[in-house]
Amino acid sequence: MVQIEASWKKELLEEFEKPYFLQIVEFLKREKAQNKIIYPPGNQIFNAFNTTPFDQVKVIILGQDPYHGVGQAMGLSFSVSKNVAIPASLKNIYKEIQSDIGLPIPLHGDLTGWAKQGVFLLNAMLTVEASMASSHKNIGWQSFTDAVIQKLSTEKTGLVFLLWGNFAKAKKELIDTNKHLVLEAAHPSPLAGGAFFGCKHFSKTNEYLEKNGQIPINWGVE
C-alpha cells in the first residue's frame, strides 16, 4: 500500500486500487530493477501530499515534471533542497513575489514552508528518470493527478489554483470555476521571455483567501 498521509489515503483509496495505478507501481519496480535512477527518491514521491494534508489545502501550484538533475527533485513542484542551486523558474517566481508584495529574494529554493501553510505543490508527473525530462509522462501519473485535482475541486470550496504555462492551463477543465479561483499566467521559465512577470498571483491569492475568511499565505522563504 502507498505510504501517504491519512487524509489523502482516505480520499484516494479508489485510485490506488485501479489498474493504471498498479501499472505505475510495476513500471517503477522494473525501472529500479534495471538500476535506472529515478527522481525524486522513493520516500519523497508523495512529499506534496504528506506535507499538505487534504483538509489543509488552500492553494494549488501545478508543475509539470519533477526536476531531473542530481539532488534537485524533492516531491514539491518548483522546490529544491536548501543545498541545491535555485533553478531558473524558481528565481523568476521569487522576482515576481518581490515585485508583487515586496518580500526579499530568498537564499535557497526549499518551499516546504509554503507547503506547511496549505500550498499544495503538485507536479502532474510524480517521477522522472535522471537526465530525461518528461520520461514518465505516459506511465499513468496524469490519470492519478487529474483525479487529485478533480477531487480537490469537487470536495472543497474557496481554493486558489495557480496555472502557469499552457500545460497547467489545460487542467482548468478539471476545476469548478464557480467555487474556486483560477489564476492563469505564462510559465515562470526564462523560455517564456518574462511573460510571467506582473501576474501578481501572490497578492491576488491572499486577497481571495482573506475575502473568504482564510489566513493568507506568508510567501516568504526562511
N, C-alpha and C. Protein backbone atom coordinates (compact mmCIF):
# COMPACT_ATOMS: atom_id res chain seq x y z
N MET A 1 0.85 -1.20 0.00
CA MET A 1 0.00 0.00 0.00
C MET A 1 0.88 1.24 0.00
N VAL A 2 0.46 2.25 -0.71
CA VAL A 2 1.20 3.50 -0.80
C VAL A 2 1.28 4.17 0.58
N GLN A 3 2.49 4.61 0.95
CA GLN A 3 2.67 5.34 2.20
C GLN A 3 2.34 6.81 1.94
N ILE A 4 1.19 7.23 2.45
CA ILE A 4 0.72 8.59 2.18
C ILE A 4 -0.09 9.07 3.37
N GLU A 5 -0.07 10.34 3.59
CA GLU A 5 -0.76 10.96 4.73
C GLU A 5 -2.22 10.51 4.80
N ALA A 6 -2.74 10.36 6.01
CA ALA A 6 -4.01 9.66 6.25
C ALA A 6 -5.20 10.27 5.52
N SER A 7 -5.32 11.61 5.51
CA SER A 7 -6.49 12.20 4.87
C SER A 7 -6.46 12.00 3.36
N TRP A 8 -5.26 12.04 2.77
CA TRP A 8 -5.13 11.76 1.33
C TRP A 8 -5.39 10.28 1.05
N LYS A 9 -4.92 9.40 1.92
CA LYS A 9 -5.15 7.96 1.71
C LYS A 9 -6.65 7.68 1.65
N LYS A 10 -7.39 8.30 2.54
CA LYS A 10 -8.85 8.12 2.57
C LYS A 10 -9.48 8.64 1.28
N GLU A 11 -9.05 9.82 0.82
CA GLU A 11 -9.65 10.42 -0.37
C GLU A 11 -9.31 9.66 -1.66
N LEU A 12 -8.12 9.05 -1.69
CA LEU A 12 -7.61 8.49 -2.94
C LEU A 12 -7.58 6.96 -2.96
N LEU A 13 -8.20 6.35 -1.97
CA LEU A 13 -8.15 4.88 -1.85
C LEU A 13 -8.58 4.19 -3.14
N GLU A 14 -9.64 4.68 -3.77
CA GLU A 14 -10.12 4.06 -5.01
C GLU A 14 -9.07 4.16 -6.11
N GLU A 15 -8.38 5.30 -6.19
CA GLU A 15 -7.36 5.46 -7.24
C GLU A 15 -6.23 4.46 -7.07
N PHE A 16 -5.81 4.24 -5.83
CA PHE A 16 -4.69 3.34 -5.56
C PHE A 16 -5.01 1.90 -5.98
N GLU A 17 -6.28 1.58 -6.07
CA GLU A 17 -6.68 0.21 -6.40
C GLU A 17 -7.00 0.02 -7.88
N LYS A 18 -6.94 1.10 -8.65
CA LYS A 18 -7.26 1.00 -10.08
C LYS A 18 -6.09 0.39 -10.86
N PRO A 19 -6.40 -0.29 -11.97
CA PRO A 19 -5.34 -0.94 -12.75
C PRO A 19 -4.22 0.00 -13.18
N TYR A 20 -4.55 1.23 -13.58
CA TYR A 20 -3.50 2.13 -14.07
C TYR A 20 -2.48 2.43 -12.97
N PHE A 21 -2.98 2.54 -11.71
CA PHE A 21 -2.05 2.87 -10.62
C PHE A 21 -1.15 1.67 -10.30
N LEU A 22 -1.72 0.50 -10.34
CA LEU A 22 -0.92 -0.71 -10.13
C LEU A 22 0.14 -0.84 -11.22
N GLN A 23 -0.19 -0.40 -12.43
CA GLN A 23 0.78 -0.43 -13.53
C GLN A 23 1.92 0.57 -13.29
N ILE A 24 1.60 1.73 -12.70
CA ILE A 24 2.65 2.69 -12.35
C ILE A 24 3.64 2.05 -11.38
N VAL A 25 3.10 1.39 -10.36
CA VAL A 25 3.94 0.75 -9.34
C VAL A 25 4.84 -0.30 -9.99
N GLU A 26 4.27 -1.11 -10.86
CA GLU A 26 5.06 -2.16 -11.51
C GLU A 26 6.13 -1.56 -12.43
N PHE A 27 5.78 -0.51 -13.13
CA PHE A 27 6.75 0.17 -14.00
C PHE A 27 7.95 0.66 -13.19
N LEU A 28 7.67 1.32 -12.07
CA LEU A 28 8.77 1.85 -11.24
C LEU A 28 9.63 0.73 -10.67
N LYS A 29 8.99 -0.36 -10.31
CA LYS A 29 9.75 -1.52 -9.81
C LYS A 29 10.69 -2.06 -10.89
N ARG A 30 10.19 -2.15 -12.12
CA ARG A 30 11.02 -2.64 -13.23
C ARG A 30 12.20 -1.70 -13.49
N GLU A 31 11.93 -0.40 -13.46
CA GLU A 31 12.99 0.58 -13.68
C GLU A 31 14.08 0.45 -12.63
N LYS A 32 13.66 0.30 -11.39
CA LYS A 32 14.63 0.15 -10.29
C LYS A 32 15.44 -1.14 -10.47
N ALA A 33 14.75 -2.21 -10.90
CA ALA A 33 15.43 -3.49 -11.09
C ALA A 33 16.49 -3.40 -12.19
N GLN A 34 16.30 -2.48 -13.13
CA GLN A 34 17.28 -2.26 -14.20
C GLN A 34 18.32 -1.21 -13.80
N ASN A 35 18.32 -0.86 -12.52
CA ASN A 35 19.28 0.11 -11.98
C ASN A 35 19.16 1.49 -12.60
N LYS A 36 17.98 1.83 -13.08
CA LYS A 36 17.76 3.19 -13.56
C LYS A 36 17.57 4.13 -12.37
N ILE A 37 18.06 5.34 -12.51
CA ILE A 37 17.95 6.33 -11.43
C ILE A 37 16.66 7.12 -11.63
N ILE A 38 15.82 7.09 -10.60
CA ILE A 38 14.52 7.75 -10.65
C ILE A 38 14.49 8.87 -9.62
N TYR A 39 13.97 10.02 -10.04
CA TYR A 39 13.79 11.15 -9.11
C TYR A 39 12.30 11.46 -8.97
N PRO A 40 11.87 11.96 -7.79
CA PRO A 40 12.64 12.07 -6.55
C PRO A 40 12.84 10.71 -5.92
N PRO A 41 13.62 10.63 -4.82
CA PRO A 41 13.77 9.35 -4.12
C PRO A 41 12.41 8.81 -3.70
N GLY A 42 12.32 7.50 -3.57
CA GLY A 42 11.04 6.85 -3.29
C GLY A 42 10.27 7.44 -2.12
N ASN A 43 10.99 7.81 -1.06
CA ASN A 43 10.29 8.33 0.12
C ASN A 43 9.82 9.76 -0.04
N GLN A 44 10.13 10.39 -1.21
CA GLN A 44 9.68 11.76 -1.45
C GLN A 44 8.69 11.87 -2.61
N ILE A 45 8.32 10.74 -3.21
CA ILE A 45 7.40 10.79 -4.35
C ILE A 45 6.08 11.46 -3.95
N PHE A 46 5.61 11.18 -2.74
CA PHE A 46 4.35 11.75 -2.26
C PHE A 46 4.56 12.85 -1.23
N ASN A 47 5.70 13.54 -1.33
CA ASN A 47 6.04 14.59 -0.38
C ASN A 47 4.99 15.70 -0.34
N ALA A 48 4.47 16.09 -1.51
CA ALA A 48 3.46 17.15 -1.55
C ALA A 48 2.23 16.76 -0.73
N PHE A 49 1.84 15.51 -0.83
CA PHE A 49 0.66 15.01 -0.11
C PHE A 49 0.94 14.91 1.39
N ASN A 50 2.13 14.43 1.72
CA ASN A 50 2.47 14.22 3.13
C ASN A 50 2.71 15.54 3.87
N THR A 51 3.12 16.58 3.15
CA THR A 51 3.39 17.87 3.78
C THR A 51 2.14 18.74 3.85
N THR A 52 1.22 18.54 2.92
CA THR A 52 -0.02 19.34 2.88
C THR A 52 -1.22 18.40 2.88
N PRO A 53 -1.73 18.02 4.05
CA PRO A 53 -2.89 17.13 4.11
C PRO A 53 -4.09 17.68 3.35
N PHE A 54 -4.94 16.78 2.89
CA PHE A 54 -6.10 17.15 2.08
C PHE A 54 -6.93 18.25 2.74
N ASP A 55 -7.17 18.10 4.04
CA ASP A 55 -8.05 19.05 4.71
C ASP A 55 -7.38 20.40 4.99
N GLN A 56 -6.10 20.52 4.65
CA GLN A 56 -5.40 21.79 4.87
C GLN A 56 -5.07 22.55 3.57
N VAL A 57 -5.39 21.96 2.43
CA VAL A 57 -5.07 22.58 1.14
C VAL A 57 -5.86 23.87 0.95
N LYS A 58 -5.15 24.95 0.62
CA LYS A 58 -5.79 26.24 0.31
C LYS A 58 -5.44 26.74 -1.09
N VAL A 59 -4.21 26.44 -1.51
CA VAL A 59 -3.69 26.92 -2.79
C VAL A 59 -3.03 25.74 -3.50
N ILE A 60 -3.20 25.64 -4.81
CA ILE A 60 -2.53 24.60 -5.60
C ILE A 60 -1.64 25.27 -6.64
N ILE A 61 -0.34 24.94 -6.61
CA ILE A 61 0.57 25.38 -7.67
C ILE A 61 0.94 24.14 -8.47
N LEU A 62 0.50 24.10 -9.71
CA LEU A 62 0.67 22.90 -10.52
C LEU A 62 1.93 22.98 -11.38
N GLY A 63 2.83 22.05 -11.17
CA GLY A 63 4.00 21.89 -12.03
C GLY A 63 3.79 20.75 -12.99
N GLN A 64 4.73 20.57 -13.88
CA GLN A 64 4.58 19.52 -14.90
C GLN A 64 5.35 18.26 -14.55
N ASP A 65 6.64 18.40 -14.33
CA ASP A 65 7.56 17.27 -14.25
C ASP A 65 8.54 17.53 -13.10
N PRO A 66 8.94 16.51 -12.35
CA PRO A 66 9.99 16.75 -11.35
C PRO A 66 11.30 17.17 -12.04
N TYR A 67 12.12 17.90 -11.32
CA TYR A 67 13.46 18.20 -11.83
C TYR A 67 14.20 16.89 -12.07
N HIS A 68 15.02 16.84 -13.12
CA HIS A 68 15.69 15.58 -13.46
C HIS A 68 17.19 15.62 -13.24
N GLY A 69 17.68 16.67 -12.57
CA GLY A 69 19.10 16.75 -12.24
C GLY A 69 19.39 16.14 -10.88
N VAL A 70 20.66 15.86 -10.64
CA VAL A 70 21.08 15.20 -9.39
C VAL A 70 20.66 16.03 -8.18
N GLY A 71 19.94 15.41 -7.26
CA GLY A 71 19.60 16.03 -5.98
C GLY A 71 18.57 17.13 -6.03
N GLN A 72 17.97 17.37 -7.20
CA GLN A 72 17.03 18.50 -7.29
C GLN A 72 15.62 18.16 -6.82
N ALA A 73 15.02 17.12 -7.39
CA ALA A 73 13.62 16.82 -7.11
C ALA A 73 13.42 16.39 -5.66
N MET A 74 12.40 16.96 -5.03
CA MET A 74 12.09 16.62 -3.64
C MET A 74 10.60 16.39 -3.42
N GLY A 75 9.86 16.23 -4.52
CA GLY A 75 8.45 15.90 -4.41
C GLY A 75 7.52 17.08 -4.23
N LEU A 76 8.05 18.29 -4.30
CA LEU A 76 7.24 19.51 -4.26
C LEU A 76 7.51 20.29 -5.55
N SER A 77 6.46 20.67 -6.26
CA SER A 77 6.67 21.36 -7.53
C SER A 77 7.45 22.65 -7.33
N PHE A 78 8.41 22.88 -8.20
CA PHE A 78 9.27 24.07 -8.25
C PHE A 78 10.30 24.14 -7.12
N SER A 79 10.22 23.26 -6.13
CA SER A 79 11.07 23.34 -4.94
C SER A 79 12.31 22.47 -5.07
N VAL A 80 13.41 22.93 -4.46
CA VAL A 80 14.63 22.12 -4.32
C VAL A 80 15.13 22.23 -2.89
N SER A 81 15.95 21.27 -2.48
CA SER A 81 16.50 21.30 -1.13
C SER A 81 17.40 22.53 -0.94
N LYS A 82 17.63 22.88 0.30
CA LYS A 82 18.36 24.11 0.64
C LYS A 82 19.78 24.14 0.09
N ASN A 83 20.40 22.98 -0.06
CA ASN A 83 21.80 22.94 -0.51
C ASN A 83 21.94 22.84 -2.03
N VAL A 84 20.82 23.00 -2.76
CA VAL A 84 20.82 22.88 -4.22
C VAL A 84 20.63 24.26 -4.84
N ALA A 85 21.32 24.54 -5.94
CA ALA A 85 21.19 25.83 -6.62
C ALA A 85 19.73 26.09 -7.01
N ILE A 86 19.28 27.33 -6.86
CA ILE A 86 17.89 27.68 -7.17
C ILE A 86 17.68 27.64 -8.69
N PRO A 87 16.75 26.82 -9.18
CA PRO A 87 16.50 26.74 -10.63
C PRO A 87 15.97 28.06 -11.19
N ALA A 88 16.13 28.21 -12.49
CA ALA A 88 15.78 29.48 -13.15
C ALA A 88 14.30 29.84 -12.98
N SER A 89 13.41 28.86 -13.11
CA SER A 89 11.97 29.15 -12.98
C SER A 89 11.65 29.67 -11.58
N LEU A 90 12.26 29.05 -10.57
CA LEU A 90 12.00 29.47 -9.20
C LEU A 90 12.59 30.86 -8.93
N LYS A 91 13.73 31.14 -9.54
CA LYS A 91 14.28 32.51 -9.41
C LYS A 91 13.28 33.54 -9.92
N ASN A 92 12.62 33.22 -11.03
CA ASN A 92 11.64 34.15 -11.58
C ASN A 92 10.39 34.25 -10.71
N ILE A 93 10.00 33.14 -10.08
CA ILE A 93 8.90 33.19 -9.12
C ILE A 93 9.25 34.13 -7.97
N TYR A 94 10.47 34.02 -7.47
CA TYR A 94 10.93 34.89 -6.39
C TYR A 94 10.94 36.36 -6.81
N LYS A 95 11.36 36.62 -8.05
CA LYS A 95 11.38 38.00 -8.55
C LYS A 95 9.96 38.58 -8.60
N GLU A 96 9.01 37.76 -9.01
CA GLU A 96 7.62 38.23 -9.07
C GLU A 96 7.08 38.48 -7.66
N ILE A 97 7.42 37.63 -6.71
CA ILE A 97 6.98 37.84 -5.33
C ILE A 97 7.54 39.16 -4.80
N GLN A 98 8.82 39.41 -5.10
CA GLN A 98 9.43 40.66 -4.65
C GLN A 98 8.73 41.87 -5.26
N SER A 99 8.45 41.78 -6.56
CA SER A 99 7.77 42.87 -7.26
C SER A 99 6.34 43.04 -6.78
N ASP A 100 5.66 41.93 -6.53
CA ASP A 100 4.24 41.93 -6.20
C ASP A 100 3.98 42.38 -4.76
N ILE A 101 4.71 41.80 -3.82
CA ILE A 101 4.40 42.08 -2.41
C ILE A 101 5.61 42.53 -1.59
N GLY A 102 6.75 42.72 -2.27
CA GLY A 102 7.87 43.39 -1.61
C GLY A 102 8.75 42.54 -0.73
N LEU A 103 8.62 41.22 -0.79
CA LEU A 103 9.47 40.37 0.04
C LEU A 103 10.85 40.22 -0.59
N PRO A 104 11.89 40.05 0.24
CA PRO A 104 13.24 39.89 -0.30
C PRO A 104 13.41 38.57 -1.05
N ILE A 105 14.35 38.53 -1.98
CA ILE A 105 14.65 37.31 -2.74
C ILE A 105 15.27 36.29 -1.77
N PRO A 106 14.70 35.09 -1.65
CA PRO A 106 15.25 34.08 -0.73
C PRO A 106 16.63 33.58 -1.18
N LEU A 107 17.34 32.98 -0.24
CA LEU A 107 18.69 32.49 -0.49
C LEU A 107 18.71 31.01 -0.85
N HIS A 108 17.57 30.34 -0.76
CA HIS A 108 17.50 28.91 -1.11
C HIS A 108 16.15 28.62 -1.75
N GLY A 109 15.98 27.38 -2.25
CA GLY A 109 14.77 27.05 -3.01
C GLY A 109 13.85 26.04 -2.36
N ASP A 110 13.96 25.86 -1.04
CA ASP A 110 13.11 24.88 -0.35
C ASP A 110 11.77 25.52 0.02
N LEU A 111 10.70 25.06 -0.61
CA LEU A 111 9.38 25.65 -0.43
C LEU A 111 8.52 24.90 0.59
N THR A 112 9.16 24.10 1.43
CA THR A 112 8.40 23.33 2.43
C THR A 112 7.55 24.24 3.31
N GLY A 113 8.06 25.43 3.60
CA GLY A 113 7.30 26.37 4.43
C GLY A 113 5.98 26.76 3.80
N TRP A 114 5.95 26.90 2.48
CA TRP A 114 4.68 27.16 1.79
C TRP A 114 3.75 25.96 1.94
N ALA A 115 4.31 24.77 1.71
CA ALA A 115 3.50 23.54 1.75
C ALA A 115 2.85 23.36 3.13
N LYS A 116 3.57 23.72 4.17
CA LYS A 116 3.02 23.56 5.53
C LYS A 116 1.91 24.55 5.84
N GLN A 117 1.81 25.60 5.02
CA GLN A 117 0.72 26.58 5.19
C GLN A 117 -0.51 26.26 4.35
N GLY A 118 -0.44 25.18 3.56
CA GLY A 118 -1.59 24.81 2.74
C GLY A 118 -1.41 25.05 1.26
N VAL A 119 -0.15 25.32 0.83
CA VAL A 119 0.12 25.46 -0.60
C VAL A 119 0.52 24.08 -1.13
N PHE A 120 -0.38 23.48 -1.88
CA PHE A 120 -0.17 22.11 -2.39
C PHE A 120 0.65 22.18 -3.66
N LEU A 121 1.91 21.75 -3.57
CA LEU A 121 2.88 21.89 -4.67
C LEU A 121 2.90 20.60 -5.47
N LEU A 122 1.96 20.48 -6.39
CA LEU A 122 1.71 19.24 -7.12
C LEU A 122 2.33 19.26 -8.51
N ASN A 123 3.13 18.26 -8.82
CA ASN A 123 3.55 18.01 -10.20
C ASN A 123 2.57 17.05 -10.86
N ALA A 124 2.30 17.26 -12.15
CA ALA A 124 1.39 16.37 -12.87
C ALA A 124 1.98 14.96 -13.00
N MET A 125 3.30 14.89 -13.17
CA MET A 125 4.01 13.61 -13.12
C MET A 125 4.80 13.58 -11.82
N LEU A 126 4.75 12.47 -11.11
CA LEU A 126 5.40 12.43 -9.79
C LEU A 126 6.80 11.83 -9.82
N THR A 127 7.21 11.28 -10.96
CA THR A 127 8.57 10.73 -11.08
C THR A 127 9.14 11.07 -12.45
N VAL A 128 10.47 10.90 -12.56
CA VAL A 128 11.16 11.13 -13.83
C VAL A 128 12.46 10.34 -13.79
N GLU A 129 12.93 9.89 -14.94
CA GLU A 129 14.24 9.24 -14.99
C GLU A 129 15.33 10.32 -15.05
N ALA A 130 16.43 10.05 -14.37
CA ALA A 130 17.54 11.01 -14.31
C ALA A 130 17.93 11.49 -15.70
N SER A 131 18.08 12.80 -15.83
CA SER A 131 18.56 13.46 -17.04
C SER A 131 17.63 13.31 -18.25
N MET A 132 16.40 12.86 -18.02
CA MET A 132 15.47 12.64 -19.14
C MET A 132 14.12 13.30 -18.83
N ALA A 133 14.01 14.57 -19.19
CA ALA A 133 12.78 15.32 -18.92
C ALA A 133 11.57 14.63 -19.54
N SER A 134 10.48 14.63 -18.79
CA SER A 134 9.19 14.08 -19.25
C SER A 134 9.23 12.60 -19.58
N SER A 135 10.25 11.89 -19.09
CA SER A 135 10.39 10.46 -19.43
C SER A 135 9.27 9.59 -18.85
N HIS A 136 8.58 10.07 -17.82
CA HIS A 136 7.48 9.29 -17.23
C HIS A 136 6.12 9.92 -17.54
N LYS A 137 6.08 10.68 -18.62
CA LYS A 137 4.86 11.41 -18.99
C LYS A 137 3.70 10.47 -19.28
N ASN A 138 4.02 9.29 -19.81
CA ASN A 138 2.95 8.40 -20.29
C ASN A 138 2.78 7.12 -19.48
N ILE A 139 3.24 7.11 -18.24
CA ILE A 139 3.14 5.87 -17.46
C ILE A 139 1.89 5.81 -16.59
N GLY A 140 1.08 6.88 -16.61
CA GLY A 140 -0.17 6.86 -15.86
C GLY A 140 -0.30 7.93 -14.78
N TRP A 141 0.77 8.65 -14.52
CA TRP A 141 0.70 9.65 -13.44
C TRP A 141 -0.37 10.71 -13.69
N GLN A 142 -0.56 11.08 -14.96
CA GLN A 142 -1.54 12.15 -15.20
C GLN A 142 -2.97 11.70 -14.88
N SER A 143 -3.25 10.42 -15.06
CA SER A 143 -4.57 9.93 -14.64
C SER A 143 -4.75 10.12 -13.14
N PHE A 144 -3.68 9.86 -12.40
CA PHE A 144 -3.72 10.00 -10.94
C PHE A 144 -3.85 11.46 -10.53
N THR A 145 -2.98 12.32 -11.06
CA THR A 145 -3.00 13.71 -10.61
C THR A 145 -4.22 14.47 -11.14
N ASP A 146 -4.74 14.07 -12.31
CA ASP A 146 -6.02 14.65 -12.75
C ASP A 146 -7.13 14.31 -11.75
N ALA A 147 -7.12 13.08 -11.26
CA ALA A 147 -8.11 12.66 -10.26
C ALA A 147 -7.95 13.46 -8.97
N VAL A 148 -6.69 13.75 -8.61
CA VAL A 148 -6.42 14.56 -7.42
C VAL A 148 -7.00 15.97 -7.58
N ILE A 149 -6.76 16.58 -8.74
CA ILE A 149 -7.28 17.93 -8.99
C ILE A 149 -8.81 17.94 -8.95
N GLN A 150 -9.42 16.93 -9.57
CA GLN A 150 -10.88 16.86 -9.57
C GLN A 150 -11.44 16.64 -8.17
N LYS A 151 -10.75 15.83 -7.39
CA LYS A 151 -11.17 15.57 -6.01
C LYS A 151 -11.14 16.85 -5.19
N LEU A 152 -10.07 17.63 -5.34
CA LEU A 152 -9.98 18.91 -4.63
C LEU A 152 -11.09 19.86 -5.07
N SER A 153 -11.32 19.92 -6.38
CA SER A 153 -12.34 20.81 -6.91
C SER A 153 -13.73 20.43 -6.43
N THR A 154 -14.01 19.13 -6.42
CA THR A 154 -15.35 18.65 -6.08
C THR A 154 -15.65 18.78 -4.59
N GLU A 155 -14.69 18.42 -3.76
CA GLU A 155 -14.98 18.26 -2.34
C GLU A 155 -14.66 19.48 -1.50
N LYS A 156 -13.96 20.46 -2.08
CA LYS A 156 -13.62 21.64 -1.31
C LYS A 156 -14.17 22.89 -2.01
N THR A 157 -14.20 24.01 -1.28
CA THR A 157 -14.62 25.29 -1.87
C THR A 157 -13.58 26.34 -1.51
N GLY A 158 -13.50 27.38 -2.32
CA GLY A 158 -12.64 28.51 -2.00
C GLY A 158 -11.16 28.26 -2.15
N LEU A 159 -10.77 27.32 -3.02
CA LEU A 159 -9.36 27.08 -3.29
C LEU A 159 -8.86 28.05 -4.36
N VAL A 160 -7.54 28.25 -4.37
CA VAL A 160 -6.90 29.03 -5.43
C VAL A 160 -6.00 28.11 -6.23
N PHE A 161 -6.25 28.01 -7.52
CA PHE A 161 -5.42 27.20 -8.42
C PHE A 161 -4.55 28.14 -9.25
N LEU A 162 -3.24 27.99 -9.15
CA LEU A 162 -2.30 28.79 -9.93
C LEU A 162 -1.79 27.94 -11.09
N LEU A 163 -2.19 28.30 -12.30
CA LEU A 163 -1.86 27.53 -13.51
C LEU A 163 -0.91 28.35 -14.36
N TRP A 164 0.33 27.91 -14.42
CA TRP A 164 1.39 28.65 -15.12
C TRP A 164 1.85 27.88 -16.34
N GLY A 165 1.69 28.47 -17.52
CA GLY A 165 2.09 27.81 -18.76
C GLY A 165 0.96 27.00 -19.35
N ASN A 166 1.09 26.67 -20.63
CA ASN A 166 0.00 26.01 -21.35
C ASN A 166 -0.34 24.64 -20.80
N PHE A 167 0.67 23.90 -20.34
CA PHE A 167 0.39 22.57 -19.79
C PHE A 167 -0.54 22.67 -18.59
N ALA A 168 -0.20 23.57 -17.67
CA ALA A 168 -1.02 23.73 -16.47
C ALA A 168 -2.40 24.30 -16.81
N LYS A 169 -2.44 25.25 -17.73
CA LYS A 169 -3.72 25.87 -18.10
C LYS A 169 -4.71 24.85 -18.65
N ALA A 170 -4.19 23.80 -19.29
CA ALA A 170 -5.07 22.77 -19.85
C ALA A 170 -5.83 22.01 -18.77
N LYS A 171 -5.36 22.11 -17.53
CA LYS A 171 -6.04 21.41 -16.41
C LYS A 171 -7.24 22.20 -15.90
N LYS A 172 -7.45 23.39 -16.42
CA LYS A 172 -8.56 24.22 -15.94
C LYS A 172 -9.90 23.51 -16.10
N GLU A 173 -10.01 22.67 -17.13
CA GLU A 173 -11.28 21.98 -17.38
C GLU A 173 -11.64 21.00 -16.26
N LEU A 174 -10.68 20.67 -15.38
CA LEU A 174 -10.94 19.76 -14.26
C LEU A 174 -11.48 20.50 -13.04
N ILE A 175 -11.51 21.84 -13.10
CA ILE A 175 -11.79 22.66 -11.92
C ILE A 175 -13.13 23.37 -12.07
N ASP A 176 -13.91 23.37 -10.99
CA ASP A 176 -15.18 24.10 -10.97
C ASP A 176 -14.88 25.57 -10.66
N THR A 177 -14.90 26.39 -11.70
CA THR A 177 -14.52 27.80 -11.53
C THR A 177 -15.62 28.62 -10.84
N ASN A 178 -16.78 28.00 -10.59
CA ASN A 178 -17.84 28.71 -9.87
C ASN A 178 -17.57 28.76 -8.38
N LYS A 179 -16.73 27.85 -7.88
CA LYS A 179 -16.48 27.86 -6.43
C LYS A 179 -15.01 27.91 -6.06
N HIS A 180 -14.14 28.07 -7.06
CA HIS A 180 -12.71 28.23 -6.81
C HIS A 180 -12.18 29.37 -7.68
N LEU A 181 -11.06 29.96 -7.25
CA LEU A 181 -10.39 30.97 -8.05
C LEU A 181 -9.29 30.31 -8.87
N VAL A 182 -9.33 30.50 -10.18
CA VAL A 182 -8.28 30.00 -11.07
C VAL A 182 -7.52 31.20 -11.64
N LEU A 183 -6.21 31.26 -11.37
CA LEU A 183 -5.37 32.32 -11.89
C LEU A 183 -4.40 31.71 -12.90
N GLU A 184 -4.35 32.29 -14.10
CA GLU A 184 -3.51 31.77 -15.17
C GLU A 184 -2.43 32.78 -15.55
N ALA A 185 -1.26 32.26 -15.89
CA ALA A 185 -0.16 33.12 -16.34
C ALA A 185 0.76 32.30 -17.22
N ALA A 186 1.68 33.00 -17.87
CA ALA A 186 2.75 32.30 -18.59
C ALA A 186 3.60 31.53 -17.59
N HIS A 187 4.37 30.57 -18.09
CA HIS A 187 5.25 29.81 -17.21
C HIS A 187 6.38 30.71 -16.72
N PRO A 188 6.84 30.51 -15.48
CA PRO A 188 7.95 31.34 -14.98
C PRO A 188 9.31 31.01 -15.59
N SER A 189 9.39 30.00 -16.42
CA SER A 189 10.64 29.66 -17.09
C SER A 189 11.17 30.85 -17.90
N PRO A 190 12.50 31.04 -17.94
CA PRO A 190 13.07 32.07 -18.81
C PRO A 190 12.68 31.89 -20.28
N LEU A 191 12.32 30.66 -20.66
CA LEU A 191 11.91 30.39 -22.04
C LEU A 191 10.64 31.16 -22.43
N ALA A 192 9.89 31.59 -21.42
CA ALA A 192 8.65 32.34 -21.68
C ALA A 192 8.93 33.82 -21.90
N GLY A 193 10.20 34.21 -21.86
CA GLY A 193 10.58 35.58 -22.19
C GLY A 193 10.08 36.64 -21.23
N GLY A 194 9.87 36.25 -19.97
CA GLY A 194 9.45 37.24 -18.97
C GLY A 194 7.97 37.51 -18.93
N ALA A 195 7.18 36.72 -19.69
CA ALA A 195 5.73 36.96 -19.73
C ALA A 195 5.04 36.68 -18.39
N PHE A 196 5.72 35.93 -17.52
CA PHE A 196 5.17 35.63 -16.19
C PHE A 196 5.12 36.87 -15.30
N PHE A 197 6.07 37.78 -15.53
CA PHE A 197 6.20 38.94 -14.64
C PHE A 197 5.00 39.86 -14.73
N GLY A 198 4.57 40.33 -13.56
CA GLY A 198 3.42 41.23 -13.50
C GLY A 198 2.10 40.53 -13.29
N CYS A 199 2.10 39.21 -13.13
CA CYS A 199 0.84 38.48 -12.96
C CYS A 199 0.20 38.77 -11.59
N LYS A 200 1.03 39.12 -10.61
CA LYS A 200 0.54 39.46 -9.26
C LYS A 200 -0.29 38.34 -8.62
N HIS A 201 0.05 37.11 -8.93
CA HIS A 201 -0.73 35.98 -8.41
C HIS A 201 -0.64 35.84 -6.90
N PHE A 202 0.43 36.32 -6.31
CA PHE A 202 0.64 36.09 -4.88
C PHE A 202 -0.22 37.04 -4.04
N SER A 203 -0.30 38.29 -4.45
CA SER A 203 -1.20 39.22 -3.76
C SER A 203 -2.66 38.87 -4.05
N LYS A 204 -2.96 38.48 -5.29
CA LYS A 204 -4.34 38.11 -5.65
C LYS A 204 -4.81 36.89 -4.86
N THR A 205 -3.90 35.92 -4.67
CA THR A 205 -4.23 34.73 -3.88
C THR A 205 -4.59 35.12 -2.46
N ASN A 206 -3.77 35.96 -1.85
CA ASN A 206 -4.03 36.34 -0.45
C ASN A 206 -5.28 37.18 -0.30
N GLU A 207 -5.54 38.04 -1.27
CA GLU A 207 -6.78 38.83 -1.23
C GLU A 207 -8.00 37.91 -1.24
N TYR A 208 -7.96 36.89 -2.10
CA TYR A 208 -9.08 35.95 -2.20
C TYR A 208 -9.24 35.14 -0.91
N LEU A 209 -8.12 34.66 -0.37
CA LEU A 209 -8.18 33.87 0.86
C LEU A 209 -8.77 34.70 2.00
N GLU A 210 -8.30 35.93 2.15
CA GLU A 210 -8.80 36.79 3.23
C GLU A 210 -10.28 37.10 3.04
N LYS A 211 -10.67 37.33 1.80
CA LYS A 211 -12.09 37.62 1.50
C LYS A 211 -12.97 36.44 1.89
N ASN A 212 -12.39 35.24 1.84
CA ASN A 212 -13.14 34.03 2.18
C ASN A 212 -12.85 33.53 3.59
N GLY A 213 -12.32 34.42 4.42
CA GLY A 213 -12.13 34.08 5.83
C GLY A 213 -10.97 33.16 6.13
N GLN A 214 -10.02 33.07 5.19
CA GLN A 214 -8.86 32.20 5.38
C GLN A 214 -7.63 33.02 5.75
N ILE A 215 -6.69 32.37 6.41
CA ILE A 215 -5.42 33.03 6.73
C ILE A 215 -4.60 33.11 5.45
N PRO A 216 -4.08 34.29 5.10
CA PRO A 216 -3.28 34.41 3.88
C PRO A 216 -1.97 33.66 4.00
N ILE A 217 -1.35 33.41 2.85
CA ILE A 217 -0.06 32.69 2.82
C ILE A 217 1.08 33.68 3.06
N ASN A 218 2.01 33.29 3.90
CA ASN A 218 3.27 34.04 4.01
C ASN A 218 4.19 33.52 2.91
N TRP A 219 4.36 34.31 1.85
CA TRP A 219 5.14 33.88 0.70
C TRP A 219 6.65 34.02 0.91
N GLY A 220 7.05 34.41 2.11
CA GLY A 220 8.47 34.46 2.41
C GLY A 220 9.05 33.06 2.54
N VAL A 221 10.34 32.92 2.29
CA VAL A 221 11.04 31.64 2.40
C VAL A 221 12.21 31.85 3.36
N GLU A 222 12.18 31.14 4.48
CA GLU A 222 13.20 31.37 5.51
C GLU A 222 14.15 30.19 5.63
